[in-house]
Every structure is written in C-alpha cells, then in structure tokens.
Amino acid sequence: MAEVDTRWRGSFGYLTAIVEEEGEDVRIPLCRIEYLGDDKAWGFAMYLRATDAYTDAVLRTGSPTAAFDTAALVHLADYHA
C-alpha cells in the first residue's frame, strides 16, 4: 500500500510518500510546493536526499499535479517494497 501525505506550513506544502516495507511504514520526502496566491501559479522544490534539503526547481506548467508527478518519478521509479 502507498499513499501521499501533504503537510502545510504557511504557503508551503510538503509532499511525502508513505510506502509499506516489511510491515513498517517508510516515509519518502518528495517535494515542496508553494502557493503563490493564484491557483495556476505554484512554486516547486525537489527534495534532495544527498543534502537533506529542498532545492528550487522550475516546472513548465506550474501546477502542483506536475510537481507531484515529477517528484514521484524521481524518487519512486526504482523503489521496490
């Protein structure tokens, strides 16, 4: 089973995948989205495991759905639970 948790801090939403591995829930940070005051304008930052931080990135569409799709492909494409 897998799910996505979104936690909000002000205008920032932090997306984390939750996957089950050997009976335990494993949380995998994906990205951060930022509401910029317009439903069609969002900021986006990828989570980088190497630095344990979020790095600003640019999406062509600027939509939170595209942000999730991009982050999920990067972080979960090779994930095997």
C-alpha atoms as a PDB file:
ATOM      1  CA  MET A   1       0.000   0.000   0.000  1.00  0.00           C
ATOM      2  CA  ALA A   2       1.234   3.516  -0.803  1.00  0.00           C
ATOM      3  CA  GLU A   3      -0.149   6.945  -0.066  1.00  0.00           C
ATOM      4  CA  VAL A   4       0.912  10.579  -0.191  1.00  0.00           C
ATOM      5  CA  ASP A   5       0.862  12.843   2.844  1.00  0.00           C
ATOM      6  CA  THR A   6       0.788  16.624   2.389  1.00  0.00           C
ATOM      7  CA  ARG A   7       1.613  18.806   5.360  1.00  0.00           C
ATOM      8  CA  TRP A   8       1.184  22.562   5.162  1.00  0.00           C
ATOM      9  CA  ARG A   9       3.303  25.224   6.871  1.00  0.00           C
ATOM     10  CA  GLY A  10       2.053  28.602   5.796  1.00  0.00           C
ATOM     11  CA  SER A  11       2.026  28.702   1.996  1.00  0.00           C
ATOM     12  CA  PHE A  12       4.351  25.654   1.714  1.00  0.00           C
ATOM     13  CA  GLY A  13       3.051  22.117   1.212  1.00  0.00           C
ATOM     14  CA  TYR A  14       5.452  19.215   1.831  1.00  0.00           C
ATOM     15  CA  LEU A  15       4.615  16.026  -0.111  1.00  0.00           C
ATOM     16  CA  THR A  16       5.825  12.740   1.352  1.00  0.00           C
ATOM     17  CA  ALA A  17       5.196   9.235   0.006  1.00  0.00           C
ATOM     18  CA  ILE A  18       4.340   6.602   2.594  1.00  0.00           C
ATOM     19  CA  VAL A  19       5.093   3.038   1.498  1.00  0.00           C
ATOM     20  CA  GLU A  20       4.997  -0.181   3.446  1.00  0.00           C
ATOM     21  CA  GLU A  21       8.224  -2.130   3.677  1.00  0.00           C
ATOM     22  CA  GLU A  22       8.447  -5.308   5.757  1.00  0.00           C
ATOM     23  CA  GLY A  23       5.337  -4.331   7.713  1.00  0.00           C
ATOM     24  CA  GLU A  24       6.633  -0.842   8.561  1.00  0.00           C
ATOM     25  CA  ASP A  25       5.641   2.499   7.052  1.00  0.00           C
ATOM     26  CA  VAL A  26       8.556   4.224   5.322  1.00  0.00           C
ATOM     27  CA  ARG A  27       8.277   7.965   4.652  1.00  0.00           C
ATOM     28  CA  ILE A  28       9.993   9.236   1.494  1.00  0.00           C
ATOM     29  CA  PRO A  29      10.128  13.050   1.099  1.00  0.00           C
ATOM     30  CA  LEU A  30       9.252  14.034  -2.482  1.00  0.00           C
ATOM     31  CA  CYS A  31       8.956  17.779  -2.924  1.00  0.00           C
ATOM     32  CA  ARG A  32       7.718  21.092  -1.604  1.00  0.00           C
ATOM     33  CA  ILE A  33       5.055  23.152  -3.337  1.00  0.00           C
ATOM     34  CA  GLU A  34       4.346  26.796  -2.599  1.00  0.00           C
ATOM     35  CA  TYR A  35       1.038  28.546  -3.109  1.00  0.00           C
ATOM     36  CA  LEU A  36       1.795  31.869  -4.784  1.00  0.00           C
ATOM     37  CA  GLY A  37      -1.661  33.411  -4.441  1.00  0.00           C
ATOM     38  CA  ASP A  38      -3.119  32.073  -7.694  1.00  0.00           C
ATOM     39  CA  ASP A  39      -4.464  28.570  -8.350  1.00  0.00           C
ATOM     40  CA  LYS A  40      -2.397  28.476 -11.552  1.00  0.00           C
ATOM     41  CA  ALA A  41       0.895  29.688 -10.059  1.00  0.00           C
ATOM     42  CA  TRP A  42       2.846  27.420  -7.729  1.00  0.00           C
ATOM     43  CA  GLY A  43       6.451  27.299  -6.582  1.00  0.00           C
ATOM     44  CA  PHE A  44       8.230  23.943  -6.616  1.00  0.00           C
ATOM     45  CA  ALA A  45      11.312  22.492  -4.935  1.00  0.00           C
ATOM     46  CA  MET A  46      12.626  18.917  -5.227  1.00  0.00           C
ATOM     47  CA  TYR A  47      13.781  17.083  -2.124  1.00  0.00           C
ATOM     48  CA  LEU A  48      17.427  16.034  -2.427  1.00  0.00           C
ATOM     49  CA  ARG A  49      18.423  13.140  -0.198  1.00  0.00           C
ATOM     50  CA  ALA A  50      22.143  13.954  -0.534  1.00  0.00           C
ATOM     51  CA  THR A  51      21.694  17.333   1.145  1.00  0.00           C
ATOM     52  CA  ASP A  52      18.514  16.544   3.122  1.00  0.00           C
ATOM     53  CA  ALA A  53      17.071  19.793   1.768  1.00  0.00           C
ATOM     54  CA  TYR A  54      14.673  21.163  -0.838  1.00  0.00           C
ATOM     55  CA  THR A  55      16.129  22.773  -3.969  1.00  0.00           C
ATOM     56  CA  ASP A  56      14.069  25.226  -6.014  1.00  0.00           C
ATOM     57  CA  ALA A  57      13.121  23.967  -9.461  1.00  0.00           C
ATOM     58  CA  VAL A  58      11.008  25.210 -12.367  1.00  0.00           C
ATOM     59  CA  LEU A  59       8.016  23.458 -13.893  1.00  0.00           C
ATOM     60  CA  ARG A  60       6.730  24.422 -17.299  1.00  0.00           C
ATOM     61  CA  THR A  61       3.084  24.191 -16.226  1.00  0.00           C
ATOM     62  CA  GLY A  62       3.466  25.477 -12.681  1.00  0.00           C
ATOM     63  CA  SER A  63       0.778  23.080 -11.458  1.00  0.00           C
ATOM     64  CA  PRO A  64       1.007  21.121  -8.188  1.00  0.00           C
ATOM     65  CA  THR A  65      -0.029  17.966 -10.086  1.00  0.00           C
ATOM     66  CA  ALA A  66       3.017  18.273 -12.362  1.00  0.00           C
ATOM     67  CA  ALA A  67       5.186  18.840  -9.276  1.00  0.00           C
ATOM     68  CA  PHE A  68       3.961  15.609  -7.713  1.00  0.00           C
ATOM     69  CA  ASP A  69       4.360  13.652 -10.965  1.00  0.00           C
ATOM     70  CA  THR A  70       7.934  14.878 -11.398  1.00  0.00           C
ATOM     71  CA  ALA A  71       8.954  14.198  -7.793  1.00  0.00           C
ATOM     72  CA  ALA A  72       7.307  10.761  -7.749  1.00  0.00           C
ATOM     73  CA  LEU A  73       9.150   9.727 -10.918  1.00  0.00           C
ATOM     74  CA  VAL A  74      12.479  10.843  -9.472  1.00  0.00           C
ATOM     75  CA  HIS A  75      12.063   9.323  -6.015  1.00  0.00           C
ATOM     76  CA  LEU A  76       9.846   6.290  -6.579  1.00  0.00           C
ATOM     77  CA  ALA A  77      10.601   4.995 -10.089  1.00  0.00           C
ATOM     78  CA  ASP A  78      13.094   2.411  -8.830  1.00  0.00           C
ATOM     79  CA  TYR A  79      11.521   1.851  -5.413  1.00  0.00           C
ATOM     80  CA  HIS A  80      10.763  -1.772  -4.627  1.00  0.00           C
ATOM     81  CA  ALA A  81       8.949  -2.564  -1.421  1.00  0.00           C
END
